[in-house]
PDB file of all heavy atoms in Angstrom:
ATOM      1  N   GLY A   1       0.425 108.310-114.120  1.00  0.00           N
ATOM      2  CA  GLY A   1      -0.744 109.039-114.553  1.00  0.00           C
ATOM      3  C   GLY A   1      -1.515 109.352-113.290  1.00  0.00           C
ATOM      4  O   GLY A   1      -1.797 108.534-112.482  1.00  0.00           O
ATOM      5  N   CYS A   2      -1.970 110.587-113.220  1.00  0.00           N
ATOM      6  CA  CYS A   2      -2.693 111.115-112.082  1.00  0.00           C
ATOM      7  C   CYS A   2      -3.967 111.797-112.473  1.00  0.00           C
ATOM      8  O   CYS A   2      -3.949 112.877-113.068  1.00  0.00           O
ATOM      9  CB  CYS A   2      -1.816 112.040-111.213  1.00  0.00           C
ATOM     10  SG  CYS A   2      -2.521 112.470-109.616  1.00  0.00           S
ATOM     11  N   SER A   3      -5.129 111.076-112.159  1.00  0.00           N
ATOM     12  CA  SER A   3      -6.435 111.631-112.643  1.00  0.00           C
ATOM     13  C   SER A   3      -7.128 112.450-111.657  1.00  0.00           C
ATOM     14  O   SER A   3      -8.163 113.020-111.888  1.00  0.00           O
ATOM     15  CB  SER A   3      -7.309 110.459-112.991  1.00  0.00           C
ATOM     16  OG  SER A   3      -7.620 109.665-111.879  1.00  0.00           O
ATOM     17  N   GLY A   4      -6.565 112.500-110.404  1.00  0.00           N
ATOM     18  CA  GLY A   4      -7.135 113.191-109.300  1.00  0.00           C
ATOM     19  C   GLY A   4      -8.123 112.369-108.432  1.00  0.00           C
ATOM     20  O   GLY A   4      -8.481 112.838-107.377  1.00  0.00           O
ATOM     21  N   GLY A   5      -8.314 111.155-108.790  1.00  0.00           N
ATOM     22  CA  GLY A   5      -9.146 110.221-108.023  1.00  0.00           C
ATOM     23  C   GLY A   5      -8.301 109.574-106.882  1.00  0.00           C
ATOM     24  O   GLY A   5      -7.055 109.734-106.861  1.00  0.00           O
ATOM     25  N   THR A   6      -8.997 108.722-106.140  1.00  0.00           N
ATOM     26  CA  THR A   6      -8.319 108.096-104.981  1.00  0.00           C
ATOM     27  C   THR A   6      -7.304 107.114-105.427  1.00  0.00           C
ATOM     28  O   THR A   6      -6.184 107.026-104.848  1.00  0.00           O
ATOM     29  CB  THR A   6      -9.342 107.344-104.115  1.00  0.00           C
ATOM     30  OG1 THR A   6     -10.375 108.239-103.741  1.00  0.00           O
ATOM     31  CG2 THR A   6      -8.775 106.727-102.849  1.00  0.00           C
ATOM     32  N   ASP A   7      -7.594 106.260-106.465  1.00  0.00           N
ATOM     33  CA  ASP A   7      -6.655 105.209-106.886  1.00  0.00           C
ATOM     34  C   ASP A   7      -5.282 105.794-107.341  1.00  0.00           C
ATOM     35  O   ASP A   7      -4.230 105.380-106.898  1.00  0.00           O
ATOM     36  CB  ASP A   7      -7.308 104.377-107.990  1.00  0.00           C
ATOM     37  CG  ASP A   7      -8.585 103.670-107.500  1.00  0.00           C
ATOM     38  OD1 ASP A   7      -8.721 103.560-106.313  1.00  0.00           O
ATOM     39  OD2 ASP A   7      -9.312 103.233-108.486  1.00  0.00           O
ATOM     40  N   SER A   8      -5.407 106.701-108.283  1.00  0.00           N
ATOM     41  CA  SER A   8      -4.102 107.289-108.807  1.00  0.00           C
ATOM     42  C   SER A   8      -3.367 108.072-107.754  1.00  0.00           C
ATOM     43  O   SER A   8      -2.150 108.115-107.843  1.00  0.00           O
ATOM     44  CB  SER A   8      -4.403 108.141-110.071  1.00  0.00           C
ATOM     45  OG  SER A   8      -5.237 109.234-109.749  1.00  0.00           O
ATOM     46  N   SER A   9      -4.136 108.722-106.882  1.00  0.00           N
ATOM     47  CA  SER A   9      -3.447 109.502-105.846  1.00  0.00           C
ATOM     48  C   SER A   9      -2.711 108.549-104.877  1.00  0.00           C
ATOM     49  O   SER A   9      -1.636 108.816-104.465  1.00  0.00           O
ATOM     50  CB  SER A   9      -4.508 110.310-105.051  1.00  0.00           C
ATOM     51  OG  SER A   9      -5.117 111.302-105.890  1.00  0.00           O
ATOM     52  N   PHE A  10      -3.308 107.380-104.514  1.00  0.00           N
ATOM     53  CA  PHE A  10      -2.681 106.459-103.699  1.00  0.00           C
ATOM     54  C   PHE A  10      -1.445 105.824-104.337  1.00  0.00           C
ATOM     55  O   PHE A  10      -0.436 105.671-103.718  1.00  0.00           O
ATOM     56  CB  PHE A  10      -3.673 105.363-103.197  1.00  0.00           C
ATOM     57  CG  PHE A  10      -2.961 104.303-102.432  1.00  0.00           C
ATOM     58  CD1 PHE A  10      -2.453 104.473-101.241  1.00  0.00           C
ATOM     59  CD2 PHE A  10      -2.811 103.007-103.027  1.00  0.00           C
ATOM     60  CE1 PHE A  10      -1.824 103.585-100.532  1.00  0.00           C
ATOM     61  CE2 PHE A  10      -2.159 102.091-102.288  1.00  0.00           C
ATOM     62  CZ  PHE A  10      -1.648 102.277-101.071  1.00  0.00           C
ATOM     63  N   LEU A  11      -1.607 105.502-105.609  1.00  0.00           N
ATOM     64  CA  LEU A  11      -0.501 105.021-106.381  1.00  0.00           C
ATOM     65  C   LEU A  11       0.684 105.940-106.291  1.00  0.00           C
ATOM     66  O   LEU A  11       1.829 105.696-106.047  1.00  0.00           O
ATOM     67  CB  LEU A  11      -0.830 104.744-107.826  1.00  0.00           C
ATOM     68  CG  LEU A  11       0.308 104.438-108.760  1.00  0.00           C
ATOM     69  CD1 LEU A  11       1.028 103.133-108.283  1.00  0.00           C
ATOM     70  CD2 LEU A  11      -0.130 104.185-110.170  1.00  0.00           C
ATOM     71  N   LEU A  12       0.352 107.299-106.451  1.00  0.00           N
ATOM     72  CA  LEU A  12       1.448 108.329-106.375  1.00  0.00           C
ATOM     73  C   LEU A  12       2.064 108.369-105.050  1.00  0.00           C
ATOM     74  O   LEU A  12       3.321 108.507-104.871  1.00  0.00           O
ATOM     75  CB  LEU A  12       0.825 109.646-106.795  1.00  0.00           C
ATOM     76  CG  LEU A  12       1.755 110.824-107.091  1.00  0.00           C
ATOM     77  CD1 LEU A  12       2.689 110.416-108.221  1.00  0.00           C
ATOM     78  CD2 LEU A  12       1.038 112.033-107.430  1.00  0.00           C
ATOM     79  N   TYR A  13       1.215 108.277-104.020  1.00  0.00           N
ATOM     80  CA  TYR A  13       1.777 108.258-102.646  1.00  0.00           C
ATOM     81  C   TYR A  13       2.699 107.056-102.486  1.00  0.00           C
ATOM     82  O   TYR A  13       3.797 107.270-101.821  1.00  0.00           O
ATOM     83  CB  TYR A  13       0.569 108.112-101.586  1.00  0.00           C
ATOM     84  CG  TYR A  13       1.027 107.783-100.226  1.00  0.00           C
ATOM     85  CD1 TYR A  13       1.400 108.796 -99.356  1.00  0.00           C
ATOM     86  CD2 TYR A  13       1.025 106.516 -99.749  1.00  0.00           C
ATOM     87  CE1 TYR A  13       1.764 108.497 -98.026  1.00  0.00           C
ATOM     88  CE2 TYR A  13       1.382 106.205 -98.400  1.00  0.00           C
ATOM     89  CZ  TYR A  13       1.799 107.157 -97.653  1.00  0.00           C
ATOM     90  OH  TYR A  13       2.146 106.879 -96.306  1.00  0.00           O
ATOM     91  N   ALA A  14       2.274 105.897-102.882  1.00  0.00           N
ATOM     92  CA  ALA A  14       3.212 104.663-102.745  1.00  0.00           C
ATOM     93  C   ALA A  14       4.449 104.839-103.504  1.00  0.00           C
ATOM     94  O   ALA A  14       5.522 104.510-103.010  1.00  0.00           O
ATOM     95  CB  ALA A  14       2.428 103.474-103.193  1.00  0.00           C
ATOM     96  N   ALA A  15       4.347 105.412-104.754  1.00  0.00           N
ATOM     97  CA  ALA A  15       5.532 105.626-105.585  1.00  0.00           C
ATOM     98  C   ALA A  15       6.473 106.607-104.944  1.00  0.00           C
ATOM     99  O   ALA A  15       7.675 106.442-105.013  1.00  0.00           O
ATOM    100  CB  ALA A  15       5.154 106.053-106.929  1.00  0.00           C
ATOM    101  N   ALA A  16       5.929 107.684-104.314  1.00  0.00           N
ATOM    102  CA  ALA A  16       6.810 108.610-103.659  1.00  0.00           C
ATOM    103  C   ALA A  16       7.506 108.070-102.521  1.00  0.00           C
ATOM    104  O   ALA A  16       8.643 108.490-102.179  1.00  0.00           O
ATOM    105  CB  ALA A  16       5.929 109.873-103.245  1.00  0.00           C
ATOM    106  N   ASN A  17       6.905 107.133-101.837  1.00  0.00           N
ATOM    107  CA  ASN A  17       7.545 106.396-100.755  1.00  0.00           C
ATOM    108  C   ASN A  17       8.683 105.501-101.182  1.00  0.00           C
ATOM    109  O   ASN A  17       9.739 105.418-100.637  1.00  0.00           O
ATOM    110  CB  ASN A  17       6.557 105.695 -99.881  1.00  0.00           C
ATOM    111  CG  ASN A  17       5.912 106.495 -98.846  1.00  0.00           C
ATOM    112  OD1 ASN A  17       6.334 106.704 -97.763  1.00  0.00           O
ATOM    113  ND2 ASN A  17       4.770 107.167 -99.216  1.00  0.00           N
ATOM    114  N   ALA A  18       8.369 104.738-102.224  1.00  0.00           N
ATOM    115  CA  ALA A  18       9.295 103.724-102.757  1.00  0.00           C
ATOM    116  C   ALA A  18      10.426 104.291-103.640  1.00  0.00           C
ATOM    117  O   ALA A  18      11.472 103.702-103.743  1.00  0.00           O
ATOM    118  CB  ALA A  18       8.468 102.602-103.541  1.00  0.00           C
ATOM    119  N   LEU A  19      10.119 105.339-104.362  1.00  0.00           N
ATOM    120  CA  LEU A  19      10.998 105.918-105.388  1.00  0.00           C
ATOM    121  C   LEU A  19      11.234 107.437-105.101  1.00  0.00           C
ATOM    122  O   LEU A  19      10.958 108.189-105.994  1.00  0.00           O
ATOM    123  CB  LEU A  19      10.576 105.691-106.775  1.00  0.00           C
ATOM    124  CG  LEU A  19      10.514 104.236-107.262  1.00  0.00           C
ATOM    125  CD1 LEU A  19       9.685 104.158-108.523  1.00  0.00           C
ATOM    126  CD2 LEU A  19      11.931 103.720-107.452  1.00  0.00           C
ATOM    127  N   PRO A  20      11.641 107.902-103.958  1.00  0.00           N
ATOM    128  CA  PRO A  20      11.756 109.256-103.737  1.00  0.00           C
ATOM    129  C   PRO A  20      12.716 110.020-104.687  1.00  0.00           C
ATOM    130  O   PRO A  20      13.741 109.507-104.995  1.00  0.00           O
ATOM    131  CB  PRO A  20      12.337 109.323-102.273  1.00  0.00           C
ATOM    132  CG  PRO A  20      12.955 107.973-102.009  1.00  0.00           C
ATOM    133  CD  PRO A  20      12.117 107.030-102.820  1.00  0.00           C
ATOM    134  N   GLY A  21      12.125 111.099-105.278  1.00  0.00           N
ATOM    135  CA  GLY A  21      12.860 111.861-106.207  1.00  0.00           C
ATOM    136  C   GLY A  21      12.984 111.278-107.595  1.00  0.00           C
ATOM    137  O   GLY A  21      13.653 111.816-108.529  1.00  0.00           O
ATOM    138  N   ARG A  22      12.261 110.113-107.841  1.00  0.00           N
ATOM    139  CA  ARG A  22      12.406 109.489-109.108  1.00  0.00           C
ATOM    140  C   ARG A  22      11.003 109.302-109.754  1.00  0.00           C
ATOM    141  O   ARG A  22      10.760 108.340-110.590  1.00  0.00           O
ATOM    142  CB  ARG A  22      13.061 108.147-109.044  1.00  0.00           C
ATOM    143  CG  ARG A  22      14.623 108.303-108.713  1.00  0.00           C
ATOM    144  CD  ARG A  22      15.227 106.950-108.601  1.00  0.00           C
ATOM    145  NE  ARG A  22      14.862 106.266-107.356  1.00  0.00           N
ATOM    146  CZ  ARG A  22      14.946 104.911-107.159  1.00  0.00           C
ATOM    147  NH1 ARG A  22      15.399 104.141-108.147  1.00  0.00           N
ATOM    148  NH2 ARG A  22      14.664 104.416-106.052  1.00  0.00           N
ATOM    149  N   VAL A  23      10.051 110.158-109.421  1.00  0.00           N
ATOM    150  CA  VAL A  23       8.686 110.019-109.879  1.00  0.00           C
ATOM    151  C   VAL A  23       8.225 111.338-110.423  1.00  0.00           C
ATOM    152  O   VAL A  23       8.403 112.406-109.839  1.00  0.00           O
ATOM    153  CB  VAL A  23       7.735 109.605-108.737  1.00  0.00           C
ATOM    154  CG1 VAL A  23       6.292 109.454-109.184  1.00  0.00           C
ATOM    155  CG2 VAL A  23       8.227 108.336-108.050  1.00  0.00           C
ATOM    156  N   LEU A  24       7.518 111.297-111.585  1.00  0.00           N
ATOM    157  CA  LEU A  24       6.845 112.430-112.174  1.00  0.00           C
ATOM    158  C   LEU A  24       5.347 112.108-112.308  1.00  0.00           C
ATOM    159  O   LEU A  24       5.005 111.069-112.877  1.00  0.00           O
ATOM    160  CB  LEU A  24       7.462 112.773-113.515  1.00  0.00           C
ATOM    161  CG  LEU A  24       6.716 113.885-114.368  1.00  0.00           C
ATOM    162  CD1 LEU A  24       6.832 115.242-113.572  1.00  0.00           C
ATOM    163  CD2 LEU A  24       7.245 113.924-115.770  1.00  0.00           C
ATOM    164  N   ALA A  25       4.483 112.924-111.784  1.00  0.00           N
ATOM    165  CA  ALA A  25       3.067 112.797-111.959  1.00  0.00           C
ATOM    166  C   ALA A  25       2.597 113.563-113.140  1.00  0.00           C
ATOM    167  O   ALA A  25       3.005 114.768-113.346  1.00  0.00           O
ATOM    168  CB  ALA A  25       2.338 113.291-110.708  1.00  0.00           C
ATOM    169  N   VAL A  26       1.721 113.019-114.044  1.00  0.00           N
ATOM    170  CA  VAL A  26       1.316 113.716-115.162  1.00  0.00           C
ATOM    171  C   VAL A  26      -0.208 113.562-115.237  1.00  0.00           C
ATOM    172  O   VAL A  26      -0.736 112.396-115.104  1.00  0.00           O
ATOM    173  CB  VAL A  26       1.974 113.164-116.451  1.00  0.00           C
ATOM    174  CG1 VAL A  26       1.434 113.872-117.720  1.00  0.00           C
ATOM    175  CG2 VAL A  26       3.498 113.301-116.375  1.00  0.00           C
ATOM    176  N   THR A  27      -0.885 114.542-115.528  1.00  0.00           N
ATOM    177  CA  THR A  27      -2.400 114.583-115.716  1.00  0.00           C
ATOM    178  C   THR A  27      -2.715 114.971-117.141  1.00  0.00           C
ATOM    179  O   THR A  27      -2.328 116.051-117.635  1.00  0.00           O
ATOM    180  CB  THR A  27      -3.111 115.495-114.774  1.00  0.00           C
ATOM    181  OG1 THR A  27      -2.688 115.157-113.432  1.00  0.00           O
ATOM    182  CG2 THR A  27      -4.547 115.389-114.926  1.00  0.00           C
ATOM    183  N   ALA A  28      -3.356 114.014-117.824  1.00  0.00           N
ATOM    184  CA  ALA A  28      -3.785 114.305-119.182  1.00  0.00           C
ATOM    185  C   ALA A  28      -4.993 115.386-119.163  1.00  0.00           C
ATOM    186  O   ALA A  28      -6.063 115.034-118.567  1.00  0.00           O
ATOM    187  CB  ALA A  28      -4.236 113.070-119.955  1.00  0.00           C
ATOM    188  N   ASP A  29      -4.772 116.602-119.643  1.00  0.00           N
ATOM    189  CA  ASP A  29      -5.862 117.631-119.507  1.00  0.00           C
ATOM    190  C   ASP A  29      -6.561 117.657-120.814  1.00  0.00           C
ATOM    191  O   ASP A  29      -6.059 118.134-121.891  1.00  0.00           O
ATOM    192  CB  ASP A  29      -5.102 118.900-119.221  1.00  0.00           C
ATOM    193  CG  ASP A  29      -5.998 120.108-119.095  1.00  0.00           C
ATOM    194  OD1 ASP A  29      -7.282 119.883-119.118  1.00  0.00           O
ATOM    195  OD2 ASP A  29      -5.552 121.321-119.051  1.00  0.00           O
ATOM    196  N   HIS A  30      -7.869 117.235-120.796  1.00  0.00           N
ATOM    197  CA  HIS A  30      -8.625 117.214-121.966  1.00  0.00           C
ATOM    198  C   HIS A  30     -10.104 117.399-121.611  1.00  0.00           C
ATOM    199  O   HIS A  30     -10.432 117.443-120.403  1.00  0.00           O
ATOM    200  CB  HIS A  30      -8.475 115.839-122.661  1.00  0.00           C
ATOM    201  CG  HIS A  30      -8.774 114.646-121.771  1.00  0.00           C
ATOM    202  ND1 HIS A  30     -10.001 114.243-121.410  1.00  0.00           N
ATOM    203  CD2 HIS A  30      -7.929 113.825-121.121  1.00  0.00           C
ATOM    204  CE1 HIS A  30      -9.935 113.259-120.568  1.00  0.00           C
ATOM    205  NE2 HIS A  30      -8.680 112.889-120.428  1.00  0.00           N
ATOM    206  N   PRO A  31     -11.010 117.646-122.648  1.00  0.00           N
ATOM    207  CA  PRO A  31     -12.342 118.111-122.379  1.00  0.00           C
ATOM    208  C   PRO A  31     -13.187 116.997-121.677  1.00  0.00           C
ATOM    209  O   PRO A  31     -14.335 117.320-121.184  1.00  0.00           O
ATOM    210  CB  PRO A  31     -12.890 118.461-123.734  1.00  0.00           C
ATOM    211  CG  PRO A  31     -11.760 118.742-124.574  1.00  0.00           C
ATOM    212  CD  PRO A  31     -10.670 117.810-124.059  1.00  0.00           C
ATOM    213  N   LEU A  32     -12.754 115.813-121.689  1.00  0.00           N
ATOM    214  CA  LEU A  32     -13.567 114.669-121.039  1.00  0.00           C
ATOM    215  C   LEU A  32     -13.292 114.660-119.605  1.00  0.00           C
ATOM    216  O   LEU A  32     -13.875 113.809-118.848  1.00  0.00           O
ATOM    217  CB  LEU A  32     -13.294 113.374-121.701  1.00  0.00           C
ATOM    218  CG  LEU A  32     -13.392 113.278-123.216  1.00  0.00           C
ATOM    219  CD1 LEU A  32     -13.153 111.860-123.656  1.00  0.00           C
ATOM    220  CD2 LEU A  32     -14.726 113.825-123.688  1.00  0.00           C
ATOM    221  N   MET A  33     -12.359 115.455-119.081  1.00  0.00           N
ATOM    222  CA  MET A  33     -11.984 115.382-117.660  1.00  0.00           C
ATOM    223  C   MET A  33     -12.564 116.606-116.943  1.00  0.00           C
ATOM    224  O   MET A  33     -12.488 117.775-117.395  1.00  0.00           O
ATOM    225  CB  MET A  33     -10.489 115.506-117.538  1.00  0.00           C
ATOM    226  CG  MET A  33     -10.010 115.377-116.052  1.00  0.00           C
ATOM    227  SD  MET A  33      -8.174 115.503-115.967  1.00  0.00           S
ATOM    228  CE  MET A  33      -7.916 114.825-114.359  1.00  0.00           C
TER     229      MET A  33
END
């Protein structure tokens, strides 16, 4: 899950390093965001 903030962005960075080619980032697009 990627919200655009620092925490989820860093998690995505770490996942991309540890699991190259096996990661999908998804952002829930809703009116509260």
